[in-house]
Amino acid sequence: MRVTAFVLKGPVPKEKFFDREEELNRFKRELEVKNYTLLLAIIAPFKFGKTSLMMRFYEMARENPDVLCIYINFLELEADPLEEMIKLVKQACSKVATKEELKIFDEVLKKKRLGDLLRAVNELCEKKNKWFIFFMDEFQELARKLKKFGYYPQLDFEDIYKFIRGI
């Protein structure tokens, strides 16, 4: 049996994660200066460590008291993507919101509209002086999943993808 130092499936453990200091430092600086307009995409070929880097960013964000965040992998997700996002967002917001304030996410869950979710997150974050980060792994799968669960039936995959990217 041959042993390899490479991790062939999933994100690499912290002890095997290396050579990304520049990216980690940049993200750390963006958190420190509270750059709320940051839009970051990690683009690289297959097996270049995108998920591993995103997981390090996610860990850094979770440690920041000014940040609420969720991580969702759309390739692995089997459930309704909007329902899952709403549940994860509500769970993340429960760290700073009252039960009464969290009821808005129950209303959003009934309507299942992405715009309503983003508005609710934005309003809560402004009220609590927080920053919300969506870590979306395998983002290109979101349009396919939305279509599969019957969202935006009048749009094709490319239209959905463009719509989401524009948010």
Foldseek 3Di string as FASTA:
>chain_A
DDDDLDDDDDADDPVSDDDCVVVLVVLLVCVVVVVLVDDDDDDDDPPPRPRNVLVSSVVSQVVDPQEFEDEDELVPDPDQVLLVVLVSLLVSCVVPDDPVLSVQSVVCNVVSDPVSSVVSSVVSCVVRVHHYDYHYHPLLNNLVSCVVVPPPVVDDSVVVSVVVVVD
